[in-house]
Amino acid sequence: MKQEVKSLFISDVHLGSVFCKADHLNILLSKYRCENLFILGDFFDGWKLKKGFYWTDEKTFVIRKILTMIKKDKTKVVYLTGNHDEFLRDFPIEAFGSVLVCDEYIYRSFDRKFLLLHGDRFDTLCNTFGILYWLGDRAYTLALHFNRVTNIIGRKLGFRYYPISALLKRKVKGAVNFINNFEFAVSKYCKEKECSDVMVGHIHHAELNKDLDGVLYHNSGDFVESCTAIIERLDGRLELVKIQDNYNQL
C-alpha cells in the first residue's frame, strides 16, 4: 500500500541516458501517493538523445506511472526545466496539458515559502566557460562508465554496489569548492526572492535542511548515481529518501 505524502521532489533523472536508473525511480513512485510532484529539471537528457536514442521499458514505465498519478491520484505535477532539457523552454505552456512547465516556481506549504528551480543558471562553468563545462561533462561521463564497470566486477566478487564517481566528486577539492559556491549563490537568490527555503537539483549532490545565512537549502539529488529524492510529509516535515542500489539492475 502506498504511503500518503504531501509532496515528492525529484531531479536529474536523465531519461535517455544509459546511466539513468529508471528502475529505481519506478520503485520510488510505487511507494508514495502525493498531492504534488515537483520535477526539478533534467528529467529528460536532451544532450544524450541528440547523439543516440536510448530507451528501455523501465523508462516507459516511469512516464506511465506519472500519467497515472495525474489521472488517478489527481497529483499536481510541476516540471522545472534544466540545462539538459532546456528544449522544453521553447514550447508554449499549453503544450503540456495538465503539467505546469516553468523555469522556477514558488511553493507555499504551512509557514514556509519554497523557491523551486533546477539551478543551472548558478553554475558558472555552465554559463561562462562553455569549453570547460564540456570537458567536465566528458570527464563525468567517463567516471560513470568506470563506475559501471568496477561495480559489475564487484558484483561478481560479492561486494555491495558503491557509487565511485560520487565519492570522487566529494573528495576532489575543486568539486567541493564548486558545490559550496553553487549552494551559496542559490541561497542568495532565494533570499532576494524573499523565500525561506530553496529546492534545487543540477549538481547531483543531495542535501537537506542546510542553513545558509538564514535560508534552508535542499537538493533532491539524482537518479544517475545516488537515487535520492525528498518527500514532504503530510505535516510538512521534509525527509531525504534513498532507493538502494541493486546489483541485478546493473
Protein backbone atom coordinates (compact mmCIF):
# COMPACT_ATOMS: atom_id res chain seq x y z
CA MET A 1 0.00 0.00 0.00
CA LYS A 2 1.33 3.43 -0.93
CA GLN A 3 2.31 5.94 1.74
CA GLU A 4 0.40 9.22 1.63
CA VAL A 5 2.68 12.25 1.44
CA LYS A 6 2.08 15.87 0.57
CA SER A 7 4.87 16.36 -1.95
CA LEU A 8 7.59 14.47 -3.75
CA PHE A 9 10.67 16.24 -5.12
CA ILE A 10 12.88 14.55 -7.73
CA SER A 11 15.55 15.81 -10.10
CA ASP A 12 18.15 14.77 -12.65
CA VAL A 13 16.59 11.54 -13.82
CA HIS A 14 18.22 11.90 -17.26
CA LEU A 15 15.82 9.72 -19.21
CA GLY A 16 17.57 8.93 -22.48
CA SER A 17 20.95 8.32 -20.87
CA VAL A 18 22.37 4.83 -20.42
CA PHE A 19 23.18 5.79 -16.82
CA CYS A 20 19.59 6.64 -15.86
CA LYS A 21 18.33 4.33 -13.12
CA ALA A 22 14.69 4.37 -14.15
CA ASP A 23 14.03 1.11 -12.29
CA HIS A 24 14.94 2.83 -9.00
CA LEU A 25 12.62 5.74 -9.79
CA ASN A 26 9.81 3.28 -10.53
CA ILE A 27 10.30 1.83 -7.05
CA LEU A 28 10.06 5.32 -5.55
CA LEU A 29 6.91 6.22 -7.48
CA SER A 30 5.33 2.93 -6.42
CA LYS A 31 5.95 3.68 -2.72
CA TYR A 32 4.24 7.07 -2.42
CA ARG A 33 0.96 8.76 -3.30
CA CYS A 34 1.45 12.52 -3.32
CA GLU A 35 -0.56 15.69 -3.76
CA ASN A 36 2.34 17.36 -5.58
CA LEU A 37 5.13 16.00 -7.76
CA PHE A 38 7.88 18.52 -8.36
CA ILE A 39 10.39 17.58 -11.08
CA LEU A 40 13.42 19.83 -10.61
CA GLY A 41 14.91 19.64 -14.08
CA ASP A 42 16.90 17.28 -16.31
CA PHE A 43 14.12 14.70 -16.27
CA PHE A 44 14.97 14.06 -19.92
CA ASP A 45 18.55 14.15 -21.17
CA GLY A 46 18.25 16.04 -24.43
CA TRP A 47 22.02 16.12 -24.85
CA LYS A 48 22.24 12.34 -24.92
CA LEU A 49 19.08 11.92 -27.02
CA LYS A 50 20.62 14.10 -29.73
CA LYS A 51 23.51 11.66 -30.05
CA GLY A 52 21.51 8.44 -29.99
CA PHE A 53 18.11 7.25 -28.80
CA TYR A 54 18.50 5.03 -25.74
CA TRP A 55 15.24 3.84 -24.22
CA THR A 56 14.09 0.87 -22.15
CA ASP A 57 10.80 -0.47 -20.80
CA GLU A 58 11.70 0.89 -17.35
CA LYS A 59 11.80 4.42 -18.77
CA THR A 60 8.39 3.94 -20.39
CA PHE A 61 7.03 2.70 -17.05
CA VAL A 62 8.21 5.94 -15.40
CA ILE A 63 6.17 8.02 -17.86
CA ARG A 64 3.14 5.76 -17.41
CA LYS A 65 3.36 5.96 -13.62
CA ILE A 66 3.42 9.74 -13.68
CA LEU A 67 0.47 9.91 -16.10
CA THR A 68 -1.44 7.53 -13.81
CA MET A 69 -0.63 9.76 -10.83
CA ILE A 70 -2.09 12.72 -12.69
CA LYS A 71 -5.25 10.94 -13.80
CA LYS A 72 -5.98 8.57 -10.90
CA ASP A 73 -4.46 10.27 -7.86
CA LYS A 74 -5.09 13.85 -9.09
CA THR A 75 -1.43 14.66 -8.44
CA LYS A 76 -0.34 18.15 -9.41
CA VAL A 77 2.86 17.95 -11.48
CA VAL A 78 5.21 20.92 -11.80
CA TYR A 79 8.19 20.49 -14.12
CA LEU A 80 11.12 22.88 -13.65
CA THR A 81 13.31 22.88 -16.77
CA GLY A 82 17.06 22.27 -16.58
CA ASN A 83 20.05 22.57 -18.87
CA HIS A 84 19.73 19.03 -20.26
CA ASP A 85 16.04 19.51 -21.08
CA GLU A 86 16.15 23.20 -21.96
CA PHE A 87 14.49 22.38 -25.31
CA LEU A 88 11.22 22.33 -23.37
CA ARG A 89 11.58 26.06 -22.74
CA ASP A 90 10.77 26.72 -26.40
CA PHE A 91 7.28 25.19 -26.16
CA PRO A 92 4.18 27.16 -25.14
CA ILE A 93 2.85 26.34 -21.68
CA GLU A 94 -0.41 24.93 -23.03
CA ALA A 95 1.54 22.26 -24.97
CA PHE A 96 1.97 20.22 -21.78
CA GLY A 97 -1.68 19.93 -20.75
CA SER A 98 -2.10 19.46 -17.00
CA VAL A 99 1.67 19.53 -16.34
CA LEU A 100 2.95 23.00 -15.48
CA VAL A 101 6.35 23.58 -17.10
CA CYS A 102 8.36 26.61 -15.97
CA ASP A 103 11.87 27.81 -15.07
CA GLU A 104 11.11 28.49 -11.41
CA TYR A 105 8.16 28.11 -9.09
CA ILE A 106 7.20 29.33 -5.62
CA TYR A 107 5.54 26.69 -3.45
CA ARG A 108 3.88 27.64 -0.16
CA SER A 109 3.39 24.98 2.47
CA PHE A 110 2.40 25.62 6.08
CA ASP A 111 4.53 28.61 7.17
CA ARG A 112 7.28 28.02 4.58
CA LYS A 113 7.84 29.54 1.16
CA PHE A 114 9.91 27.37 -1.18
CA LEU A 115 11.71 28.60 -4.27
CA LEU A 116 11.94 25.68 -6.70
CA LEU A 117 14.28 25.62 -9.69
CA HIS A 118 16.86 23.39 -11.36
CA GLY A 119 19.83 25.62 -10.55
CA ASP A 120 21.86 25.56 -13.78
CA ARG A 121 21.79 29.35 -14.04
CA PHE A 122 24.04 29.46 -10.96
CA ASP A 123 26.62 27.13 -12.50
CA THR A 124 29.42 29.48 -13.58
CA LEU A 125 31.14 26.83 -15.69
CA CYS A 126 27.90 26.02 -17.50
CA ASN A 127 27.11 29.65 -18.28
CA THR A 128 30.53 31.31 -18.63
CA PHE A 129 33.16 28.74 -19.57
CA GLY A 130 31.46 26.53 -22.13
CA ILE A 131 34.52 24.52 -23.13
CA LEU A 132 35.44 23.80 -19.51
CA TYR A 133 31.91 22.65 -18.80
CA TRP A 134 32.01 20.41 -21.88
CA LEU A 135 35.30 18.88 -20.69
CA GLY A 136 33.86 18.41 -17.22
CA ASP A 137 30.82 16.68 -18.65
CA ARG A 138 33.07 14.32 -20.65
CA ALA A 139 35.12 13.55 -17.53
CA TYR A 140 31.94 12.89 -15.54
CA THR A 141 30.67 10.54 -18.25
CA LEU A 142 33.97 8.63 -18.17
CA ALA A 143 33.70 8.38 -14.38
CA LEU A 144 30.20 6.93 -14.73
CA HIS A 145 31.48 4.35 -17.23
CA PHE A 146 34.30 3.47 -14.82
CA ASN A 147 31.76 3.24 -12.00
CA ARG A 148 29.61 0.85 -14.02
CA VAL A 149 32.50 -1.46 -14.93
CA THR A 150 34.03 -1.62 -11.45
CA ASN A 151 30.69 -2.37 -9.84
CA ILE A 152 29.91 -5.14 -12.32
CA ILE A 153 33.22 -6.69 -11.27
CA GLY A 154 32.33 -6.03 -7.63
CA ARG A 155 29.01 -7.83 -8.05
CA LYS A 156 30.81 -10.96 -9.29
CA LEU A 157 33.11 -10.79 -6.27
CA GLY A 158 30.20 -10.37 -3.88
CA PHE A 159 30.74 -6.72 -2.95
CA ARG A 160 27.98 -4.19 -2.37
CA TYR A 161 27.35 -1.53 -5.00
CA TYR A 162 29.09 1.79 -4.33
CA PRO A 163 28.93 4.96 -6.48
CA ILE A 164 32.66 5.55 -7.00
CA SER A 165 32.01 8.56 -9.24
CA ALA A 166 30.07 10.23 -6.42
CA LEU A 167 32.88 9.51 -3.97
CA LEU A 168 35.44 11.15 -6.28
CA LYS A 169 33.23 14.20 -6.59
CA ARG A 170 33.04 14.56 -2.80
CA LYS A 171 36.81 14.17 -2.35
CA VAL A 172 38.20 16.40 -5.10
CA LYS A 173 38.86 19.87 -3.69
CA GLY A 174 37.74 21.70 -6.83
CA ALA A 175 34.42 19.84 -6.85
CA VAL A 176 33.85 20.61 -3.17
CA ASN A 177 34.52 24.32 -3.77
CA PHE A 178 32.17 24.29 -6.76
CA ILE A 179 29.37 22.76 -4.69
CA ASN A 180 29.86 25.28 -1.89
CA ASN A 181 29.85 28.22 -4.32
CA PHE A 182 26.76 26.86 -6.06
CA GLU A 183 24.86 26.43 -2.80
CA PHE A 184 25.62 29.95 -1.59
CA ALA A 185 24.72 31.51 -4.95
CA VAL A 186 21.37 29.69 -4.99
CA SER A 187 20.65 30.65 -1.38
CA LYS A 188 21.46 34.30 -2.04
CA TYR A 189 18.97 34.35 -4.91
CA CYS A 190 16.40 32.67 -2.67
CA LYS A 191 16.78 35.44 -0.11
CA GLU A 192 16.30 38.03 -2.86
CA LYS A 193 13.02 36.31 -3.76
CA GLU A 194 12.00 36.52 -0.07
CA CYS A 195 11.64 32.75 0.30
CA SER A 196 12.52 30.70 3.38
CA ASP A 197 13.67 27.58 1.51
CA VAL A 198 15.23 26.76 -1.84
CA MET A 199 14.94 23.34 -3.52
CA VAL A 200 17.20 22.53 -6.48
CA GLY A 201 18.91 19.72 -8.40
CA HIS A 202 21.60 20.04 -11.10
CA ILE A 203 24.78 19.13 -9.18
CA HIS A 204 23.77 15.54 -8.29
CA HIS A 205 24.57 16.13 -4.63
CA ALA A 206 21.69 15.55 -2.21
CA GLU A 207 21.28 17.87 0.76
CA LEU A 208 18.54 18.57 3.29
CA ASN A 209 17.92 21.47 5.67
CA LYS A 210 21.33 23.09 5.20
CA ASP A 211 21.19 26.54 6.81
CA LEU A 212 22.97 29.07 4.62
CA ASP A 213 22.74 32.57 6.05
CA GLY A 214 19.14 32.10 7.14
CA VAL A 215 17.98 30.20 4.06
CA LEU A 216 17.30 26.46 4.21
CA TYR A 217 18.94 24.81 1.20
CA HIS A 218 17.73 21.46 -0.14
CA ASN A 219 18.89 19.37 -3.10
CA SER A 220 16.95 16.25 -4.07
CA GLY A 221 19.97 14.58 -5.68
CA ASP A 222 19.62 12.44 -8.81
CA PHE A 223 18.67 9.11 -10.35
CA VAL A 224 22.01 8.53 -12.03
CA GLU A 225 24.23 7.88 -9.01
CA SER A 226 22.64 8.40 -5.60
CA CYS A 227 18.98 7.60 -6.42
CA THR A 228 17.66 10.05 -3.84
CA ALA A 229 14.55 12.19 -3.52
CA ILE A 230 12.95 14.45 -0.94
CA ILE A 231 9.47 13.85 0.40
CA GLU A 232 7.26 16.26 2.30
CA ARG A 233 5.16 14.50 4.92
CA LEU A 234 1.54 15.47 5.50
CA ASP A 235 2.63 17.56 8.49
CA GLY A 236 5.21 19.47 6.44
CA ARG A 237 8.34 17.62 7.58
CA LEU A 238 10.94 17.05 4.88
CA GLU A 239 12.84 13.76 4.56
CA LEU A 240 15.63 12.68 2.24
CA VAL A 241 14.95 9.16 0.96
CA LYS A 242 17.26 6.82 -0.95
CA ILE A 243 16.34 3.88 -3.15
CA GLN A 244 19.01 1.27 -2.51
CA ASP A 245 21.03 0.07 -5.47
CA ASN A 246 20.56 -3.48 -6.62
CA TYR A 247 23.34 -5.26 -8.50
CA ASN A 248 20.74 -7.04 -10.58
CA GLN A 249 19.90 -3.70 -12.16
CA LEU A 250 23.44 -3.02 -13.45
